[in-house]
Protein backbone atom coordinates (compact mmCIF):
# COMPACT_ATOMS: atom_id res chain seq x y z
CA MET A 1 4.34 18.27 0.44
CA ASN A 2 6.79 15.93 2.21
CA ALA A 3 4.43 14.98 5.06
CA VAL A 4 0.94 14.48 3.63
CA ILE A 5 -1.25 11.43 4.22
CA PHE A 6 -1.68 10.41 0.60
CA ARG A 7 2.00 9.59 -0.02
CA LYS A 8 2.03 5.93 -1.10
CA ASN A 9 4.80 5.68 -0.28
CA SER A 10 7.21 8.15 1.33
CA ILE A 11 9.39 5.18 2.41
CA SER A 12 9.53 1.69 0.90
CA SER A 13 11.68 -1.41 1.58
CA TRP A 14 13.00 -4.17 -0.69
CA LYS A 15 15.35 -7.04 0.25
CA GLY A 16 17.02 -5.44 3.27
CA GLN A 17 17.15 -1.94 1.83
CA GLN A 18 14.92 0.99 2.62
CA PHE A 19 14.29 3.84 0.16
CA ILE A 20 13.03 7.35 0.87
CA ALA A 21 11.96 10.36 -1.20
CA TYR A 22 11.45 14.04 -0.35
CA TYR A 23 11.82 17.54 -1.74
CA ASP A 24 14.77 19.58 -0.45
CA GLN A 25 14.85 23.35 0.11
CA GLU A 26 15.59 23.91 -3.60
CA LYS A 27 12.46 21.90 -4.61
CA ASN A 28 14.59 19.05 -5.95
CA VAL A 29 13.29 15.49 -5.80
CA VAL A 30 15.78 13.73 -3.52
CA LEU A 31 16.10 9.94 -3.19
CA GLY A 32 17.84 8.09 -0.36
CA LYS A 33 18.53 4.54 0.77
CA ARG A 34 20.01 2.66 3.73
CA LYS A 35 20.51 -0.91 4.82
CA LEU A 36 17.77 -1.88 7.30
CA GLY A 37 19.12 -1.75 10.83
CA GLU A 38 21.69 0.92 9.98
CA THR A 39 21.51 4.69 10.40
CA LYS A 40 23.74 5.78 7.49
CA TRP A 41 21.81 7.04 4.48
CA ILE A 42 23.01 7.52 0.92
CA THR A 43 21.16 10.34 -0.79
CA LYS A 44 21.03 11.58 -4.37
CA ILE A 45 19.50 14.73 -5.86
CA THR A 46 17.62 13.75 -9.03
CA PRO A 47 17.21 15.99 -12.11
CA TYR A 48 13.55 16.53 -11.22
CA LYS A 49 11.77 19.28 -9.28
CA GLY A 50 8.28 19.98 -7.87
CA ASN A 51 6.08 23.00 -7.31
CA ALA A 52 6.57 23.59 -3.57
CA ALA A 53 3.73 26.14 -3.49
CA ASP A 54 1.09 23.34 -3.65
CA ALA A 55 0.84 20.70 -0.94
CA HIS A 56 -1.02 18.33 -3.26
CA ARG A 57 2.15 17.76 -5.29
CA SER A 58 3.80 15.08 -3.18
CA ILE A 59 6.22 12.34 -4.20
CA SER A 60 5.20 8.67 -4.18
CA LEU A 61 7.55 5.74 -4.68
CA ILE A 62 7.63 1.94 -4.61
CA THR A 63 9.97 -0.90 -5.55
CA ASP A 64 8.81 -3.68 -7.87
CA GLY A 65 9.71 -7.34 -7.35
CA ASP A 66 13.01 -6.91 -9.20
CA GLY A 67 14.05 -3.93 -7.04
CA TYR A 68 13.50 -1.17 -9.59
CA LEU A 69 12.34 2.06 -7.99
CA HIS A 70 9.21 3.67 -9.45
CA VAL A 71 8.70 7.33 -8.64
CA SER A 72 5.87 9.78 -9.41
CA TRP A 73 5.87 13.45 -8.31
CA ASP A 74 4.49 16.96 -8.69
CA HIS A 75 0.78 16.49 -9.61
CA HIS A 76 -2.30 18.64 -9.26
CA GLY A 77 -4.32 18.41 -12.44
CA ASN A 78 -1.32 18.23 -14.76
CA ALA A 79 0.45 15.67 -16.99
CA LEU A 80 1.95 12.54 -15.46
CA ASN A 81 5.50 12.78 -14.06
CA TYR A 82 6.92 9.29 -13.75
CA ALA A 83 10.38 7.67 -13.90
CA VAL A 84 12.02 4.37 -13.05
CA SER A 85 15.48 3.71 -11.65
CA THR A 86 18.17 2.58 -14.10
CA ALA A 87 19.02 -0.56 -12.09
CA PRO A 88 17.70 -2.56 -9.13
CA GLY A 89 18.38 -0.73 -5.87
CA SER A 90 19.78 2.31 -7.72
CA LEU A 91 18.95 5.93 -6.87
CA GLU A 92 19.63 6.97 -10.46
CA LEU A 93 16.37 7.70 -12.23
CA GLY A 94 15.91 7.28 -15.95
CA PRO A 95 14.03 9.73 -18.19
CA GLU A 96 10.42 10.65 -17.64
CA SER A 97 8.00 8.37 -19.46
CA ALA A 98 4.31 7.64 -19.88
CA MET A 99 2.68 4.62 -18.32
CA THR A 100 -0.18 3.68 -20.66
CA GLY A 101 -0.53 7.02 -22.50
CA LYS A 102 -4.22 7.03 -21.73
CA LYS A 103 -5.79 9.85 -19.63
CA GLU A 104 -2.43 10.97 -18.26
CA THR A 105 -2.83 14.74 -18.81
CA ASN A 106 -4.94 15.59 -15.71
CA VAL A 107 -3.31 13.64 -12.88
CA THR A 108 -3.68 14.18 -9.13
CA TYR A 109 -2.87 11.98 -6.11
CA PRO A 110 -0.57 9.34 -7.62
CA GLU A 111 -0.29 6.25 -5.42
CA PHE A 112 1.63 2.96 -5.76
CA TYR A 113 0.75 -0.39 -4.22
CA THR A 114 2.38 -3.83 -4.39
CA LEU A 115 0.77 -7.08 -5.51
CA ALA A 116 1.88 -10.69 -5.18
CA GLY A 117 4.72 -11.68 -7.48
CA GLY A 118 6.27 -8.23 -7.47
CA ASN A 119 3.60 -6.59 -9.69
CA LEU A 120 2.38 -3.05 -8.93
CA LEU A 121 -0.74 -0.97 -8.95
CA PHE A 122 -0.98 2.77 -9.65
CA LEU A 123 -3.99 4.86 -8.74
CA TYR A 124 -4.71 8.49 -9.55
CA ARG A 125 -7.55 10.92 -10.04
CA ASP A 126 -8.38 11.98 -13.59
CA GLY A 127 -10.25 15.28 -13.28
CA SER A 128 -10.75 17.86 -10.54
CA SER A 129 -12.14 18.13 -7.04
CA GLY A 130 -15.90 17.52 -7.11
CA ASN A 131 -15.69 16.24 -10.70
CA GLY A 132 -13.15 13.44 -11.10
CA ASN A 133 -12.83 9.70 -11.69
CA LEU A 134 -10.53 7.08 -10.20
CA MET A 135 -8.04 5.44 -12.57
CA LEU A 136 -6.19 2.17 -11.98
CA ASN A 137 -3.07 0.90 -13.80
CA ARG A 138 -1.24 -2.40 -13.29
CA TYR A 139 2.47 -3.10 -13.83
CA ASP A 140 3.48 -6.56 -14.95
CA LEU A 141 6.95 -7.58 -13.77
CA LYS A 142 7.67 -10.03 -16.57
CA SER A 143 6.79 -7.70 -19.48
CA LYS A 144 7.79 -4.52 -17.57
CA ARG A 145 4.73 -2.80 -18.99
CA TRP A 146 1.82 -0.87 -17.52
CA THR A 147 -1.75 -1.53 -18.64
CA GLN A 148 -4.90 0.36 -17.77
CA VAL A 149 -7.11 -1.92 -15.69
CA GLN A 150 -9.90 0.53 -14.93
CA ASP A 151 -10.97 3.83 -16.47
CA GLY A 152 -13.07 5.58 -13.88
CA PHE A 153 -14.35 2.48 -12.10
CA ILE A 154 -15.72 4.82 -9.41
CA ASP A 155 -17.67 7.48 -11.24
CA GLY A 156 -18.83 10.80 -9.87
CA GLU A 157 -21.17 11.18 -12.89
CA GLY A 158 -19.98 14.76 -13.38
CA LYS A 159 -21.54 15.76 -10.03
CA ARG A 160 -18.98 14.62 -7.45
CA ASN A 161 -15.77 12.69 -7.08
CA ALA A 162 -14.45 9.92 -4.83
CA TYR A 163 -11.56 10.63 -2.43
CA TRP A 164 -10.19 7.17 -1.77
CA GLN A 165 -7.86 5.18 0.42
CA MET A 166 -6.66 1.72 -0.57
CA THR A 167 -4.79 -1.31 0.74
CA THR A 168 -3.92 -4.90 -0.28
CA ASP A 169 -4.11 -7.85 2.10
CA ALA A 170 -2.01 -11.01 2.51
CA ARG A 171 -4.30 -12.91 0.11
CA GLY A 172 -3.82 -10.30 -2.63
CA THR A 173 -7.28 -8.80 -2.31
CA ILE A 174 -7.50 -5.11 -3.01
CA HIS A 175 -9.63 -3.03 -0.65
CA VAL A 176 -10.74 0.49 -1.45
CA SER A 177 -12.91 2.87 0.50
CA TRP A 178 -13.92 6.42 -0.24
CA VAL A 179 -15.94 9.46 0.66
CA TRP A 180 -17.94 11.39 -1.91
CA ARG A 181 -17.36 15.12 -2.36
CA GLU A 182 -19.98 17.21 -4.06
CA SER A 183 -17.86 20.32 -4.70
CA PRO A 184 -14.39 21.73 -4.09
CA ASP A 185 -15.62 22.75 -0.61
CA VAL A 186 -14.16 20.32 1.95
CA ALA A 187 -17.39 20.50 3.96
CA SER A 188 -19.26 18.69 1.18
CA ASN A 189 -17.50 15.36 1.97
CA HIS A 190 -20.00 12.72 2.98
CA ASP A 191 -20.43 8.94 3.69
CA MET A 192 -17.93 6.12 3.61
CA CYS A 193 -18.14 3.54 0.79
CA TYR A 194 -16.36 0.29 0.14
CA ALA A 195 -15.35 -2.17 -2.61
CA ARG A 196 -12.89 -5.00 -3.01
CA SER A 197 -11.27 -6.95 -5.84
CA ALA A 198 -9.70 -10.42 -5.77
CA ASP A 199 -8.41 -10.34 -9.37
CA GLY A 200 -6.05 -7.38 -9.45
CA GLY A 201 -8.70 -4.74 -9.97
CA ARG A 202 -10.47 -6.18 -12.98
CA THR A 203 -13.76 -6.95 -11.22
CA TRP A 204 -15.15 -5.54 -8.01
CA GLU A 205 -17.58 -6.67 -5.35
CA LYS A 206 -19.21 -5.56 -2.09
CA SER A 207 -18.16 -7.00 1.28
CA THR A 208 -21.10 -9.38 0.94
CA GLY A 209 -19.68 -10.89 -2.26
CA GLU A 210 -22.27 -9.14 -4.43
CA LYS A 211 -20.70 -8.16 -7.78
CA TYR A 212 -20.57 -4.51 -8.78
CA GLN A 213 -21.67 -3.42 -12.22
CA LEU A 214 -18.99 -0.88 -13.15
CA PRO A 215 -18.62 1.98 -12.82
CA ILE A 216 -19.61 2.29 -9.16
CA THR A 217 -21.80 5.32 -8.58
CA GLU A 218 -23.40 7.02 -5.61
CA ALA A 219 -26.54 4.94 -6.11
CA THR A 220 -24.80 1.55 -6.40
CA ALA A 221 -22.02 1.88 -3.81
CA GLU A 222 -21.89 -0.11 -0.55
CA TYR A 223 -22.02 2.24 2.42
CA ALA A 224 -19.84 1.20 5.36
CA ALA A 225 -21.01 4.29 7.30
CA LYS A 226 -23.51 7.02 6.50
CA ILE A 227 -22.05 10.41 7.33
CA PRO A 228 -23.88 13.64 6.31
CA GLN A 229 -22.25 16.63 4.67
CA GLN A 230 -21.16 19.38 7.12
CA SER A 231 -19.87 16.71 9.55
CA GLU A 232 -16.20 17.84 9.39
CA LEU A 233 -15.50 14.57 7.56
CA ILE A 234 -12.05 14.69 6.03
CA ASN A 235 -11.10 13.09 2.73
CA GLN A 236 -8.22 10.69 1.92
CA THR A 237 -7.23 9.08 5.15
CA SER A 238 -6.13 5.45 5.46
CA MET A 239 -7.20 1.85 5.56
CA PHE A 240 -5.71 -1.50 6.45
CA ALA A 241 -6.70 -5.17 5.99
CA ASP A 242 -5.66 -7.87 8.47
CA ALA A 243 -4.38 -11.35 7.70
CA GLU A 244 -7.95 -12.62 7.37
CA GLY A 245 -8.93 -9.88 4.95
CA HIS A 246 -11.06 -7.76 7.29
CA PRO A 247 -10.95 -4.09 6.23
CA PHE A 248 -10.36 -1.22 8.67
CA ILE A 249 -10.86 2.44 7.76
CA ALA A 250 -9.53 5.33 9.86
CA THR A 251 -10.81 8.90 9.60
CA TYR A 252 -12.39 11.64 11.68
CA TRP A 253 -15.77 13.42 11.73
CA ARG A 254 -18.18 15.18 14.09
CA GLU A 255 -21.23 13.20 15.11
CA LYS A 256 -24.69 14.72 15.09
CA GLY A 257 -25.27 17.00 18.08
CA GLU A 258 -21.59 17.12 18.98
CA THR A 259 -19.09 19.98 18.48
CA VAL A 260 -15.77 18.05 18.56
CA PRO A 261 -14.61 16.00 15.58
CA GLN A 262 -13.38 12.61 16.86
CA TYR A 263 -11.22 9.92 15.31
CA HIS A 264 -13.26 6.94 14.15
CA VAL A 265 -12.48 3.44 12.96
CA VAL A 266 -14.96 1.82 10.56
CA TYR A 267 -14.44 -1.92 10.15
CA LYS A 268 -16.17 -5.03 8.82
CA ASP A 269 -16.68 -8.07 11.01
CA SER A 270 -19.98 -9.86 10.47
CA THR A 271 -21.45 -6.38 9.83
CA TRP A 272 -20.02 -2.90 9.42
CA LYS A 273 -19.17 -1.34 12.77
CA THR A 274 -17.91 2.05 13.83
CA ILE A 275 -15.72 2.87 16.84
CA ASN A 276 -15.58 6.45 18.18
CA LEU A 277 -12.23 6.81 19.93
CA GLY A 278 -13.63 9.83 21.81
CA PHE A 279 -10.46 11.23 23.35
CA ARG A 280 -10.34 14.63 21.60
CA LYS A 281 -11.56 17.79 23.42
CA THR A 282 -11.14 20.64 20.97
CA PRO A 283 -13.70 21.65 18.27
CA PHE A 284 -12.76 22.80 14.78
CA SER A 285 -14.52 23.29 11.48
CA LEU A 286 -13.68 22.27 7.90
CA SER A 287 -14.89 24.52 5.11
CA GLY A 288 -13.49 26.16 1.98
CA VAL A 289 -11.34 25.00 -0.92
CA GLY A 290 -7.71 23.96 -1.34
CA THR A 291 -5.43 22.48 1.28
CA LYS A 292 -6.50 23.33 4.83
CA SER A 293 -4.55 24.13 7.95
CA ILE A 294 -6.16 21.68 10.35
CA PRO A 295 -5.32 21.17 14.08
CA VAL A 296 -5.24 17.37 13.66
CA SER A 297 -3.78 15.06 11.07
CA ARG A 298 -5.53 12.44 9.07
CA PRO A 299 -4.72 9.14 10.82
CA GLN A 300 -3.02 5.91 9.78
CA ILE A 301 -4.48 2.60 10.93
CA LEU A 302 -2.79 -0.78 11.65
CA ALA A 303 -4.19 -4.02 13.06
CA TRP A 304 -2.62 -7.30 14.18
CA LYS A 305 -3.31 -10.38 16.30
CA GLU A 306 -2.03 -10.34 19.87
CA LYS A 307 -2.78 -13.17 22.31
CA ASN A 308 -5.65 -14.32 20.09
CA LYS A 309 -7.16 -10.81 20.29
CA LEU A 310 -7.28 -8.19 17.59
CA ALA A 311 -5.03 -5.23 18.47
CA MET A 312 -5.12 -1.91 16.68
CA ALA A 313 -3.07 1.26 16.48
CA LEU A 314 -4.00 4.73 15.19
CA ILE A 315 -1.10 7.07 14.31
CA PHE A 316 -1.89 10.79 14.32
CA ARG A 317 -0.89 14.34 15.24
CA ASP A 318 -3.03 16.70 17.33
CA GLN A 319 -2.57 20.30 18.50
CA GLU A 320 -4.03 19.14 21.84
CA ARG A 321 -0.87 17.08 22.39
CA GLY A 322 1.60 19.77 21.30
CA GLU A 323 1.61 18.68 17.62
CA LYS A 324 3.73 15.60 18.32
CA ALA A 325 3.59 12.33 16.44
CA SER A 326 1.31 10.23 18.59
CA VAL A 327 -0.24 6.77 18.67
CA ALA A 328 -3.45 5.39 20.19
CA ILE A 329 -3.24 1.66 20.92
CA ASN A 330 -6.07 -0.77 21.65
CA ARG A 331 -4.87 -4.24 22.65
CA ASP A 332 -8.33 -5.75 22.37
CA LEU A 333 -10.79 -4.53 19.77
CA GLY A 334 -13.61 -6.00 21.86
CA GLN A 335 -12.95 -3.30 24.43
CA ASN A 336 -12.94 0.39 23.44
CA ASN A 337 -9.89 1.02 25.59
CA TRP A 338 -7.33 3.25 23.87
CA GLN A 339 -3.99 4.16 25.40
CA VAL A 340 -2.51 7.28 23.86
CA LYS A 341 1.22 8.08 23.89
CA ASP A 342 3.60 10.39 22.03
CA LEU A 343 6.29 9.07 19.72
CA THR A 344 8.27 12.34 19.48
CA THR A 345 9.25 14.79 22.16
CA GLY A 346 9.13 17.88 19.91
CA THR A 347 6.54 19.31 17.58
CA VAL A 348 6.16 18.02 14.04
CA GLY A 349 3.98 21.01 13.00
CA SER A 350 1.37 20.11 10.39
CA TRP A 351 2.81 16.64 9.81
CA GLU A 352 0.59 13.77 8.65
CA PRO A 353 1.77 10.15 9.02
CA SER A 354 3.02 7.98 6.20
CA TYR A 355 4.97 4.75 6.65
CA ASP A 356 6.82 1.90 5.00
CA THR A 357 4.01 -0.49 4.14
CA GLU A 358 6.38 -3.19 2.93
CA LEU A 359 8.41 -3.24 6.13
CA TRP A 360 5.21 -3.57 8.17
CA LYS A 361 4.01 -6.44 5.95
CA ASN A 362 7.28 -8.33 6.15
CA LYS A 363 8.66 -7.49 9.60
CA GLY A 364 5.82 -5.98 11.65
CA ILE A 365 7.94 -2.86 12.15
CA LEU A 366 6.39 0.59 11.79
CA ALA A 367 8.77 3.00 10.04
CA LEU A 368 7.30 6.51 9.94
CA TYR A 369 8.42 9.42 7.79
CA ILE A 370 9.02 12.30 10.27
CA GLN A 371 9.58 15.95 9.37
CA LYS A 372 8.41 19.19 10.96
CA VAL A 373 6.32 20.97 8.35
CA VAL A 374 3.96 23.97 8.12
CA GLN A 375 0.67 24.11 6.22
CA LEU A 376 -1.33 27.32 5.66
CA ASP A 377 -4.82 27.57 4.23
CA LEU A 378 -5.28 27.88 0.44
CA GLU A 379 -1.71 26.87 -0.43
CA GLY A 380 -0.33 29.82 1.51
CA LYS A 381 3.48 30.02 1.70
CA ALA A 382 5.20 29.93 5.07
CA SER A 383 8.69 31.30 5.47
CA VAL A 384 10.57 28.61 7.43
CA ASP A 385 14.07 27.20 7.49
CA PRO A 386 14.72 23.69 6.14
CA THR A 387 14.01 20.92 8.63
CA PRO A 388 15.58 17.47 9.10
CA VAL A 389 14.06 14.40 7.48
CA GLN A 390 13.94 11.38 9.76
CA VAL A 391 12.64 7.83 9.87
CA LEU A 392 11.18 6.76 13.24
CA GLU A 393 10.94 3.05 13.90
CA TYR A 394 8.40 1.73 16.34
CA GLN A 395 7.69 -1.86 17.38
CA PHE A 396 4.52 -3.06 19.13
CA ASN A 397 4.81 -5.95 21.53
CA ASN A 398 3.07 -7.29 24.61
CA LYS A 399 5.62 -6.08 27.13
CA GLU A 400 7.03 -2.75 26.02
CA ASP A 401 6.68 -0.77 22.82
CA HIS A 402 9.91 0.95 21.75
CA THR A 403 11.03 3.63 19.39
CA LYS A 404 14.17 4.27 17.35
CA LYS A 405 15.07 7.21 15.09
CA LYS A 406 16.94 6.59 11.87
């Protein structure tokens, strides 16, 4: 629950402060904060709890432009849980409240994103696996109110649902990509689709500028990569957009005729292109329902300019490397040359990477949520002792990358 890929966010910064959220061993929602650059954390146990038997039910948080903390937690097809801090920078949460009051009774995968001017976006799935629609709300800083921008703008037509990943770029454009899933069986994931919005999510277009007629369906979607079912394609990974608005999507799948699923990056330059990182050696198979125990994590993707070349980093965890937090770095996207190194010395178990998106945007510092966790198939319960929650800082530069734990 604490270390799943779809936490947006596990950590978030605002004006020199960094905030964190996690469940403790008593299932309490815990909030914490520190001054950036310091290692002392102030933590507070909130009045709220989560169902620790279900790894879908993670905590997501963000700060708006005024410094109020917005928190959503404990969702898997149930009513919205949402609260806001009582003051800017405060760890004290107010009472639970609705957002818009529309379609908030069957919520899964809550995610926050920031927009220019301190406004926020909130995404979630309304419905169930294989039969759900993507909802989009927008928070206006001046009025301090949420409005529903889209009601199912990606529509599974009652036959499938979209598992998405989203990002916003420096220009304020929203980028969303997704795989389709035909049923609750993970193996029915297929294809990679794309859409973007330059007006806060009201209207959407393809990468070519062609306008979408909403809702987007399987027949009308733009396909960044065609990937068949039964390809070990995972759902809900990550995406990133560089300063020029080019989208990058990170995921893994097994190519036709191969036995080993490999990490891939799908990105748009003049056309859609796919990079197969190709460094994995061990086969595995995805099938069945519920949360899976998988030997690799879903990856996070970052990109930046370095010496007039486009550099890229993929953050992941793999059993092959002793289940450590690892990074694959390519200093020149024109060359498929990936250098892989470990960021931790010990195992992080079934950890998946999440990071402080605001700190990366503002400072170019990667701050990862680190915790050793265990995941069993089908929401199985593992009997383990509590483990430490840490923040690992990592900076990329031309001479020597370096790591700090907070």
